[in-house]
Full PDB file with SEQRES, HELIX, SHEET, SSBOND, CRYST1, ORIGX, SCALE, CONECT and MASTER records, all heavy atoms in Angstrom:
SEQRES   1 A   33  MET CYS GLU PHE SER GLY ALA ALA ILE GLY SER LEU PHE          
SEQRES   2 A   33  PRO ARG GLY VAL ARG PRO ALA ASN GLN ILE GLY GLU ILE          
SEQRES   3 A   33  VAL SER LYS THR GLN LYS HIS                                  
CRYST1    1.000    1.000    1.000  90.00  90.00  90.00 P 1           1          
ORIGX1      1.000000  0.000000  0.000000        0.00000                         
ORIGX2      0.000000  1.000000  0.000000        0.00000                         
ORIGX3      0.000000  0.000000  1.000000        0.00000                         
SCALE1      1.000000  0.000000  0.000000        0.00000                         
SCALE2      0.000000  1.000000  0.000000        0.00000                         
SCALE3      0.000000  0.000000  1.000000        0.00000                         
ATOM      1  N   MET A   1     -17.154 -20.402  11.351  1.00  0.00           N  
ATOM      2  CA  MET A   1     -18.065 -19.871  10.253  1.00  0.00           C  
ATOM      3  C   MET A   1     -17.709 -18.508   9.765  1.00  0.00           C  
ATOM      4  O   MET A   1     -17.565 -17.485  10.601  1.00  0.00           O  
ATOM      5  CB  MET A   1     -19.500 -19.856  10.768  1.00  0.00           C  
ATOM      6  CG  MET A   1     -20.543 -19.530   9.701  1.00  0.00           C  
ATOM      7  SD  MET A   1     -22.194 -19.415  10.335  1.00  0.00           S  
ATOM      8  CE  MET A   1     -23.019 -18.792   8.895  1.00  0.00           C  
ATOM      9  N   CYS A   2     -17.443 -18.297   8.528  1.00  0.00           N  
ATOM     10  CA  CYS A   2     -17.120 -17.088   8.018  1.00  0.00           C  
ATOM     11  C   CYS A   2     -18.250 -16.223   7.652  1.00  0.00           C  
ATOM     12  O   CYS A   2     -19.027 -16.658   6.880  1.00  0.00           O  
ATOM     13  CB  CYS A   2     -16.125 -17.236   6.819  1.00  0.00           C  
ATOM     14  SG  CYS A   2     -15.471 -15.707   6.160  1.00  0.00           S  
ATOM     15  N   GLU A   3     -18.339 -15.045   8.246  1.00  0.00           N  
ATOM     16  CA  GLU A   3     -19.542 -14.130   7.910  1.00  0.00           C  
ATOM     17  C   GLU A   3     -19.026 -12.762   7.590  1.00  0.00           C  
ATOM     18  O   GLU A   3     -19.909 -11.887   7.483  1.00  0.00           O  
ATOM     19  CB  GLU A   3     -20.297 -14.004   9.345  1.00  0.00           C  
ATOM     20  CG  GLU A   3     -20.965 -15.385   9.665  1.00  0.00           C  
ATOM     21  CD  GLU A   3     -21.843 -15.218  10.904  1.00  0.00           C  
ATOM     22  OE1 GLU A   3     -21.850 -14.092  11.365  1.00  0.00           O  
ATOM     23  OE2 GLU A   3     -22.492 -16.181  11.354  1.00  0.00           O  
ATOM     24  N   PHE A   4     -17.802 -12.553   7.326  1.00  0.00           N  
ATOM     25  CA  PHE A   4     -17.364 -11.303   6.875  1.00  0.00           C  
ATOM     26  C   PHE A   4     -17.965 -11.043   5.495  1.00  0.00           C  
ATOM     27  O   PHE A   4     -17.980 -11.907   4.615  1.00  0.00           O  
ATOM     28  CB  PHE A   4     -15.846 -11.182   6.621  1.00  0.00           C  
ATOM     29  CG  PHE A   4     -15.055 -11.194   7.958  1.00  0.00           C  
ATOM     30  CD1 PHE A   4     -14.444 -12.230   8.476  1.00  0.00           C  
ATOM     31  CD2 PHE A   4     -15.035  -9.944   8.625  1.00  0.00           C  
ATOM     32  CE1 PHE A   4     -13.790 -12.205   9.629  1.00  0.00           C  
ATOM     33  CE2 PHE A   4     -14.282  -9.870   9.842  1.00  0.00           C  
ATOM     34  CZ  PHE A   4     -13.677 -10.943  10.345  1.00  0.00           C  
ATOM     35  N   SER A   5     -18.533  -9.872   5.260  1.00  0.00           N  
ATOM     36  CA  SER A   5     -19.208  -9.587   4.066  1.00  0.00           C  
ATOM     37  C   SER A   5     -18.228  -9.379   2.912  1.00  0.00           C  
ATOM     38  O   SER A   5     -17.027  -9.083   3.219  1.00  0.00           O  
ATOM     39  CB  SER A   5     -20.141  -8.312   4.131  1.00  0.00           C  
ATOM     40  OG  SER A   5     -19.275  -7.173   4.389  1.00  0.00           O  
ATOM     41  N   GLY A   6     -18.634  -9.472   1.599  1.00  0.00           N  
ATOM     42  CA  GLY A   6     -17.728  -9.359   0.541  1.00  0.00           C  
ATOM     43  C   GLY A   6     -17.217  -7.806   0.467  1.00  0.00           C  
ATOM     44  O   GLY A   6     -18.009  -6.853   0.639  1.00  0.00           O  
ATOM     45  N   ALA A   7     -15.919  -7.626   0.338  1.00  0.00           N  
ATOM     46  CA  ALA A   7     -15.377  -6.357   0.123  1.00  0.00           C  
ATOM     47  C   ALA A   7     -15.053  -6.043  -1.266  1.00  0.00           C  
ATOM     48  O   ALA A   7     -14.389  -6.809  -1.916  1.00  0.00           O  
ATOM     49  CB  ALA A   7     -14.090  -6.171   1.014  1.00  0.00           C  
ATOM     50  N   ALA A   8     -15.479  -4.927  -1.778  1.00  0.00           N  
ATOM     51  CA  ALA A   8     -15.216  -4.548  -3.188  1.00  0.00           C  
ATOM     52  C   ALA A   8     -13.795  -4.250  -3.406  1.00  0.00           C  
ATOM     53  O   ALA A   8     -13.162  -3.681  -2.573  1.00  0.00           O  
ATOM     54  CB  ALA A   8     -16.146  -3.316  -3.506  1.00  0.00           C  
ATOM     55  N   ILE A   9     -13.335  -4.623  -4.464  1.00  0.00           N  
ATOM     56  CA  ILE A   9     -11.904  -4.369  -4.844  1.00  0.00           C  
ATOM     57  C   ILE A   9     -11.891  -2.941  -5.579  1.00  0.00           C  
ATOM     58  O   ILE A   9     -12.478  -2.831  -6.653  1.00  0.00           O  
ATOM     59  CB  ILE A   9     -11.330  -5.399  -5.781  1.00  0.00           C  
ATOM     60  CG1 ILE A   9     -11.501  -6.869  -5.160  1.00  0.00           C  
ATOM     61  CG2 ILE A   9      -9.977  -5.207  -6.180  1.00  0.00           C  
ATOM     62  CD1 ILE A   9     -10.703  -6.871  -3.877  1.00  0.00           C  
ATOM     63  N   GLY A  10     -11.166  -2.056  -5.025  1.00  0.00           N  
ATOM     64  CA  GLY A  10     -11.144  -0.696  -5.593  1.00  0.00           C  
ATOM     65  C   GLY A  10     -10.169  -0.603  -6.735  1.00  0.00           C  
ATOM     66  O   GLY A  10      -9.464  -1.594  -7.197  1.00  0.00           O  
ATOM     67  N   SER A  11     -10.094   0.565  -7.353  1.00  0.00           N  
ATOM     68  CA  SER A  11      -9.173   0.728  -8.464  1.00  0.00           C  
ATOM     69  C   SER A  11      -7.766   0.711  -7.876  1.00  0.00           C  
ATOM     70  O   SER A  11      -7.462   0.945  -6.792  1.00  0.00           O  
ATOM     71  CB  SER A  11      -9.426   2.151  -9.131  1.00  0.00           C  
ATOM     72  OG  SER A  11      -9.290   3.129  -8.108  1.00  0.00           O  
ATOM     73  N   LEU A  12      -6.809   0.307  -8.812  1.00  0.00           N  
ATOM     74  CA  LEU A  12      -5.420   0.039  -8.298  1.00  0.00           C  
ATOM     75  C   LEU A  12      -4.583   1.340  -8.366  1.00  0.00           C  
ATOM     76  O   LEU A  12      -3.742   1.646  -9.069  1.00  0.00           O  
ATOM     77  CB  LEU A  12      -4.739  -1.052  -9.236  1.00  0.00           C  
ATOM     78  CG  LEU A  12      -5.524  -2.395  -9.247  1.00  0.00           C  
ATOM     79  CD1 LEU A  12      -4.746  -3.338 -10.215  1.00  0.00           C  
ATOM     80  CD2 LEU A  12      -5.647  -2.876  -7.901  1.00  0.00           C  
ATOM     81  N   PHE A  13      -4.789   2.163  -7.317  1.00  0.00           N  
ATOM     82  CA  PHE A  13      -4.007   3.324  -7.094  1.00  0.00           C  
ATOM     83  C   PHE A  13      -3.247   3.177  -5.773  1.00  0.00           C  
ATOM     84  O   PHE A  13      -3.735   2.510  -4.865  1.00  0.00           O  
ATOM     85  CB  PHE A  13      -4.908   4.671  -7.050  1.00  0.00           C  
ATOM     86  CG  PHE A  13      -5.876   4.604  -5.927  1.00  0.00           C  
ATOM     87  CD1 PHE A  13      -5.571   5.236  -4.673  1.00  0.00           C  
ATOM     88  CD2 PHE A  13      -7.083   4.086  -6.078  1.00  0.00           C  
ATOM     89  CE1 PHE A  13      -6.552   5.256  -3.703  1.00  0.00           C  
ATOM     90  CE2 PHE A  13      -8.046   4.127  -5.032  1.00  0.00           C  
ATOM     91  CZ  PHE A  13      -7.746   4.738  -3.917  1.00  0.00           C  
ATOM     92  N   PRO A  14      -2.128   3.790  -5.688  1.00  0.00           N  
ATOM     93  CA  PRO A  14      -1.329   3.494  -4.471  1.00  0.00           C  
ATOM     94  C   PRO A  14      -1.616   4.138  -3.259  1.00  0.00           C  
ATOM     95  O   PRO A  14      -0.806   4.906  -2.620  1.00  0.00           O  
ATOM     96  CB  PRO A  14       0.089   4.008  -5.063  1.00  0.00           C  
ATOM     97  CG  PRO A  14      -0.158   5.106  -5.986  1.00  0.00           C  
ATOM     98  CD  PRO A  14      -1.491   4.713  -6.635  1.00  0.00           C  
ATOM     99  N   ARG A  15      -2.864   4.117  -2.848  1.00  0.00           N  
ATOM    100  CA  ARG A  15      -3.279   4.674  -1.545  1.00  0.00           C  
ATOM    101  C   ARG A  15      -2.637   3.762  -0.404  1.00  0.00           C  
ATOM    102  O   ARG A  15      -2.681   2.525  -0.463  1.00  0.00           O  
ATOM    103  CB  ARG A  15      -4.823   4.598  -1.406  1.00  0.00           C  
ATOM    104  CG  ARG A  15      -5.224   5.184  -0.041  1.00  0.00           C  
ATOM    105  CD  ARG A  15      -6.787   5.159   0.070  1.00  0.00           C  
ATOM    106  NE  ARG A  15      -7.253   5.571   1.307  1.00  0.00           N  
ATOM    107  CZ  ARG A  15      -8.513   5.715   1.654  1.00  0.00           C  
ATOM    108  NH1 ARG A  15      -9.437   5.499   0.709  1.00  0.00           N  
ATOM    109  NH2 ARG A  15      -8.802   6.150   2.827  1.00  0.00           N  
ATOM    110  N   GLY A  16      -2.003   4.350   0.616  1.00  0.00           N  
ATOM    111  CA  GLY A  16      -1.306   3.656   1.665  1.00  0.00           C  
ATOM    112  C   GLY A  16       0.183   3.323   1.295  1.00  0.00           C  
ATOM    113  O   GLY A  16       0.890   2.915   2.053  1.00  0.00           O  
ATOM    114  N   VAL A  17       0.531   3.545   0.004  1.00  0.00           N  
ATOM    115  CA  VAL A  17       1.934   3.451  -0.299  1.00  0.00           C  
ATOM    116  C   VAL A  17       2.460   4.875  -0.567  1.00  0.00           C  
ATOM    117  O   VAL A  17       2.136   5.519  -1.551  1.00  0.00           O  
ATOM    118  CB  VAL A  17       2.026   2.683  -1.688  1.00  0.00           C  
ATOM    119  CG1 VAL A  17       3.560   2.493  -1.940  1.00  0.00           C  
ATOM    120  CG2 VAL A  17       1.419   1.313  -1.507  1.00  0.00           C  
ATOM    121  N   ARG A  18       3.074   5.483   0.398  1.00  0.00           N  
ATOM    122  CA  ARG A  18       3.302   6.933   0.446  1.00  0.00           C  
ATOM    123  C   ARG A  18       4.676   7.389  -0.066  1.00  0.00           C  
ATOM    124  O   ARG A  18       5.495   6.666  -0.158  1.00  0.00           O  
ATOM    125  CB  ARG A  18       3.121   7.314   1.871  1.00  0.00           C  
ATOM    126  CG  ARG A  18       1.756   6.829   2.440  1.00  0.00           C  
ATOM    127  CD  ARG A  18       1.547   7.398   3.866  1.00  0.00           C  
ATOM    128  NE  ARG A  18       0.323   6.802   4.373  1.00  0.00           N  
ATOM    129  CZ  ARG A  18      -0.234   7.180   5.521  1.00  0.00           C  
ATOM    130  NH1 ARG A  18       0.312   8.026   6.254  1.00  0.00           N  
ATOM    131  NH2 ARG A  18      -1.363   6.558   6.003  1.00  0.00           N  
ATOM    132  N   PRO A  19       4.760   8.611  -0.327  1.00  0.00           N  
ATOM    133  CA  PRO A  19       6.052   9.192  -0.789  1.00  0.00           C  
ATOM    134  C   PRO A  19       7.202   8.985   0.080  1.00  0.00           C  
ATOM    135  O   PRO A  19       6.836   8.928   1.326  1.00  0.00           O  
ATOM    136  CB  PRO A  19       5.669  10.707  -1.104  1.00  0.00           C  
ATOM    137  CG  PRO A  19       4.218  10.725  -1.307  1.00  0.00           C  
ATOM    138  CD  PRO A  19       3.650   9.626  -0.363  1.00  0.00           C  
ATOM    139  N   ALA A  20       8.402   9.006  -0.367  1.00  0.00           N  
ATOM    140  CA  ALA A  20       9.548   8.632   0.473  1.00  0.00           C  
ATOM    141  C   ALA A  20       9.712   9.609   1.677  1.00  0.00           C  
ATOM    142  O   ALA A  20      10.262   9.253   2.588  1.00  0.00           O  
ATOM    143  CB  ALA A  20      10.675   8.590  -0.352  1.00  0.00           C  
ATOM    144  N   ASN A  21       9.312  10.874   1.553  1.00  0.00           N  
ATOM    145  CA  ASN A  21       9.501  11.801   2.627  1.00  0.00           C  
ATOM    146  C   ASN A  21       8.405  11.724   3.714  1.00  0.00           C  
ATOM    147  O   ASN A  21       8.499  12.542   4.639  1.00  0.00           O  
ATOM    148  CB  ASN A  21       9.609  13.228   1.997  1.00  0.00           C  
ATOM    149  CG  ASN A  21       8.331  13.689   1.302  1.00  0.00           C  
ATOM    150  OD1 ASN A  21       7.431  12.825   1.162  1.00  0.00           O  
ATOM    151  ND2 ASN A  21       8.233  14.850   0.951  1.00  0.00           N  
ATOM    152  N   GLN A  22       7.477  10.876   3.623  1.00  0.00           N  
ATOM    153  CA  GLN A  22       6.307  10.825   4.593  1.00  0.00           C  
ATOM    154  C   GLN A  22       6.514   9.758   5.613  1.00  0.00           C  
ATOM    155  O   GLN A  22       5.905   9.769   6.665  1.00  0.00           O  
ATOM    156  CB  GLN A  22       5.034  10.797   3.828  1.00  0.00           C  
ATOM    157  CG  GLN A  22       4.713  12.122   3.084  1.00  0.00           C  
ATOM    158  CD  GLN A  22       3.282  12.027   2.518  1.00  0.00           C  
ATOM    159  OE1 GLN A  22       2.490  11.140   2.903  1.00  0.00           O  
ATOM    160  NE2 GLN A  22       2.984  12.901   1.637  1.00  0.00           N  
ATOM    161  N   ILE A  23       7.174   8.667   5.213  1.00  0.00           N  
ATOM    162  CA  ILE A  23       7.290   7.599   6.219  1.00  0.00           C  
ATOM    163  C   ILE A  23       8.743   7.170   6.375  1.00  0.00           C  
ATOM    164  O   ILE A  23       9.527   7.426   5.532  1.00  0.00           O  
ATOM    165  CB  ILE A  23       6.439   6.319   5.742  1.00  0.00           C  
ATOM    166  CG1 ILE A  23       6.846   5.881   4.327  1.00  0.00           C  
ATOM    167  CG2 ILE A  23       4.966   6.656   5.736  1.00  0.00           C  
ATOM    168  CD1 ILE A  23       6.126   4.657   3.834  1.00  0.00           C  
ATOM    169  N   GLY A  24       8.979   6.374   7.409  1.00  0.00           N  
ATOM    170  CA  GLY A  24      10.331   6.158   7.705  1.00  0.00           C  
ATOM    171  C   GLY A  24      10.971   4.980   7.123  1.00  0.00           C  
ATOM    172  O   GLY A  24      11.914   5.111   6.338  1.00  0.00           O  
ATOM    173  N   GLU A  25      10.503   3.740   7.336  1.00  0.00           N  
ATOM    174  CA  GLU A  25      11.158   2.542   6.784  1.00  0.00           C  
ATOM    175  C   GLU A  25      10.690   2.238   5.347  1.00  0.00           C  
ATOM    176  O   GLU A  25       9.789   1.365   5.186  1.00  0.00           O  
ATOM    177  CB  GLU A  25      10.776   1.416   7.725  1.00  0.00           C  
ATOM    178  CG  GLU A  25      11.620   0.099   7.378  1.00  0.00           C  
ATOM    179  CD  GLU A  25      11.390  -0.946   8.371  1.00  0.00           C  
ATOM    180  OE1 GLU A  25      11.903  -0.890   9.477  1.00  0.00           O  
ATOM    181  OE2 GLU A  25      10.563  -1.872   8.032  1.00  0.00           O  
ATOM    182  N   ILE A  26      11.258   2.939   4.361  1.00  0.00           N  
ATOM    183  CA  ILE A  26      10.885   2.776   3.010  1.00  0.00           C  
ATOM    184  C   ILE A  26      12.077   2.731   2.140  1.00  0.00           C  
ATOM    185  O   ILE A  26      13.196   3.009   2.689  1.00  0.00           O  
ATOM    186  CB  ILE A  26       9.977   3.930   2.548  1.00  0.00           C  
ATOM    187  CG1 ILE A  26      10.666   5.216   2.894  1.00  0.00           C  
ATOM    188  CG2 ILE A  26       8.614   3.908   3.201  1.00  0.00           C  
ATOM    189  CD1 ILE A  26       9.930   6.379   2.242  1.00  0.00           C  
ATOM    190  N   VAL A  27      11.902   2.399   0.990  1.00  0.00           N  
ATOM    191  CA  VAL A  27      13.073   2.351   0.080  1.00  0.00           C  
ATOM    192  C   VAL A  27      12.575   2.930  -1.288  1.00  0.00           C  
ATOM    193  O   VAL A  27      11.471   2.590  -1.729  1.00  0.00           O  
ATOM    194  CB  VAL A  27      13.652   1.069  -0.192  1.00  0.00           C  
ATOM    195  CG1 VAL A  27      12.669   0.089  -0.579  1.00  0.00           C  
ATOM    196  CG2 VAL A  27      14.827   0.990  -1.216  1.00  0.00           C  
ATOM    197  N   SER A  28      13.169   3.851  -1.899  1.00  0.00           N  
ATOM    198  CA  SER A  28      12.820   4.431  -3.184  1.00  0.00           C  
ATOM    199  C   SER A  28      13.184   3.528  -4.322  1.00  0.00           C  
ATOM    200  O   SER A  28      14.093   2.613  -4.146  1.00  0.00           O  
ATOM    201  CB  SER A  28      13.417   5.751  -3.320  1.00  0.00           C  
ATOM    202  OG  SER A  28      14.872   5.673  -3.582  1.00  0.00           O  
ATOM    203  N   LYS A  29      12.743   3.893  -5.481  1.00  0.00           N  
ATOM    204  CA  LYS A  29      13.030   3.070  -6.660  1.00  0.00           C  
ATOM    205  C   LYS A  29      14.534   3.059  -6.963  1.00  0.00           C  
ATOM    206  O   LYS A  29      15.071   2.057  -7.477  1.00  0.00           O  
ATOM    207  CB  LYS A  29      12.311   3.595  -7.894  1.00  0.00           C  
ATOM    208  CG  LYS A  29      12.548   2.888  -9.177  1.00  0.00           C  
ATOM    209  CD  LYS A  29      11.704   3.397 -10.271  1.00  0.00           C  
ATOM    210  CE  LYS A  29      12.116   2.930 -11.706  1.00  0.00           C  
ATOM    211  NZ  LYS A  29      11.938   1.469 -11.801  1.00  0.00           N  
ATOM    212  N   THR A  30      15.309   4.077  -6.676  1.00  0.00           N  
ATOM    213  CA  THR A  30      16.678   4.231  -7.089  1.00  0.00           C  
ATOM    214  C   THR A  30      17.552   3.513  -6.065  1.00  0.00           C  
ATOM    215  O   THR A  30      18.712   3.276  -6.348  1.00  0.00           O  
ATOM    216  CB  THR A  30      17.119   5.715  -7.079  1.00  0.00           C  
ATOM    217  OG1 THR A  30      16.788   6.301  -5.830  1.00  0.00           O  
ATOM    218  CG2 THR A  30      16.363   6.485  -8.175  1.00  0.00           C  
ATOM    219  N   GLN A  31      17.100   3.081  -4.912  1.00  0.00           N  
ATOM    220  CA  GLN A  31      17.884   2.418  -4.011  1.00  0.00           C  
ATOM    221  C   GLN A  31      17.906   0.884  -4.153  1.00  0.00           C  
ATOM    222  O   GLN A  31      16.891   0.357  -4.682  1.00  0.00           O  
ATOM    223  CB  GLN A  31      17.422   2.663  -2.488  1.00  0.00           C  
ATOM    224  CG  GLN A  31      17.654   4.038  -1.989  1.00  0.00           C  
ATOM    225  CD  GLN A  31      17.013   4.266  -0.658  1.00  0.00           C  
ATOM    226  OE1 GLN A  31      15.813   4.194  -0.459  1.00  0.00           O  
ATOM    227  NE2 GLN A  31      17.799   4.542   0.362  1.00  0.00           N  
ATOM    228  N   LYS A  32      19.049   0.238  -3.921  1.00  0.00           N  
ATOM    229  CA  LYS A  32      19.177  -1.251  -4.248  1.00  0.00           C  
ATOM    230  C   LYS A  32      19.136  -1.930  -2.845  1.00  0.00           C  
ATOM    231  O   LYS A  32      20.009  -1.741  -1.998  1.00  0.00           O  
ATOM    232  CB  LYS A  32      20.412  -1.467  -4.888  1.00  0.00           C  
ATOM    233  CG  LYS A  32      20.332  -0.878  -6.411  1.00  0.00           C  
ATOM    234  CD  LYS A  32      21.575  -1.221  -7.186  1.00  0.00           C  
ATOM    235  CE  LYS A  32      21.555  -0.674  -8.559  1.00  0.00           C  
ATOM    236  NZ  LYS A  32      22.807  -0.947  -9.382  1.00  0.00           N  
ATOM    237  N   HIS A  33      18.201  -2.862  -2.750  1.00  0.00           N  
ATOM    238  CA  HIS A  33      18.210  -3.763  -1.611  1.00  0.00           C  
ATOM    239  C   HIS A  33      17.846  -5.114  -2.085  1.00  0.00           C  
ATOM    240  O   HIS A  33      16.802  -5.498  -2.463  1.00  0.00           O  
ATOM    241  CB  HIS A  33      17.116  -3.239  -0.557  1.00  0.00           C  
ATOM    242  CG  HIS A  33      17.378  -1.982   0.066  1.00  0.00           C  
ATOM    243  ND1 HIS A  33      18.006  -1.943   1.332  1.00  0.00           N  
ATOM    244  CD2 HIS A  33      17.174  -0.775  -0.263  1.00  0.00           C  
ATOM    245  CE1 HIS A  33      18.143  -0.562   1.703  1.00  0.00           C  
ATOM    246  NE2 HIS A  33      17.676   0.102   0.737  1.00  0.00           N  
TER     247      HIS A  33                                                      
MASTER        0    0    0    0    0    0    0    6  246    1    0    3          
END                                                                             
């Protein structure tokens, strides 16, 4: 039985998607993978 309450969808800003110098395993827009 699912009882998780509804979670509101926030505005689409990149929270949790961090600048390249802050996290290790990332790729910038200019890199090709």
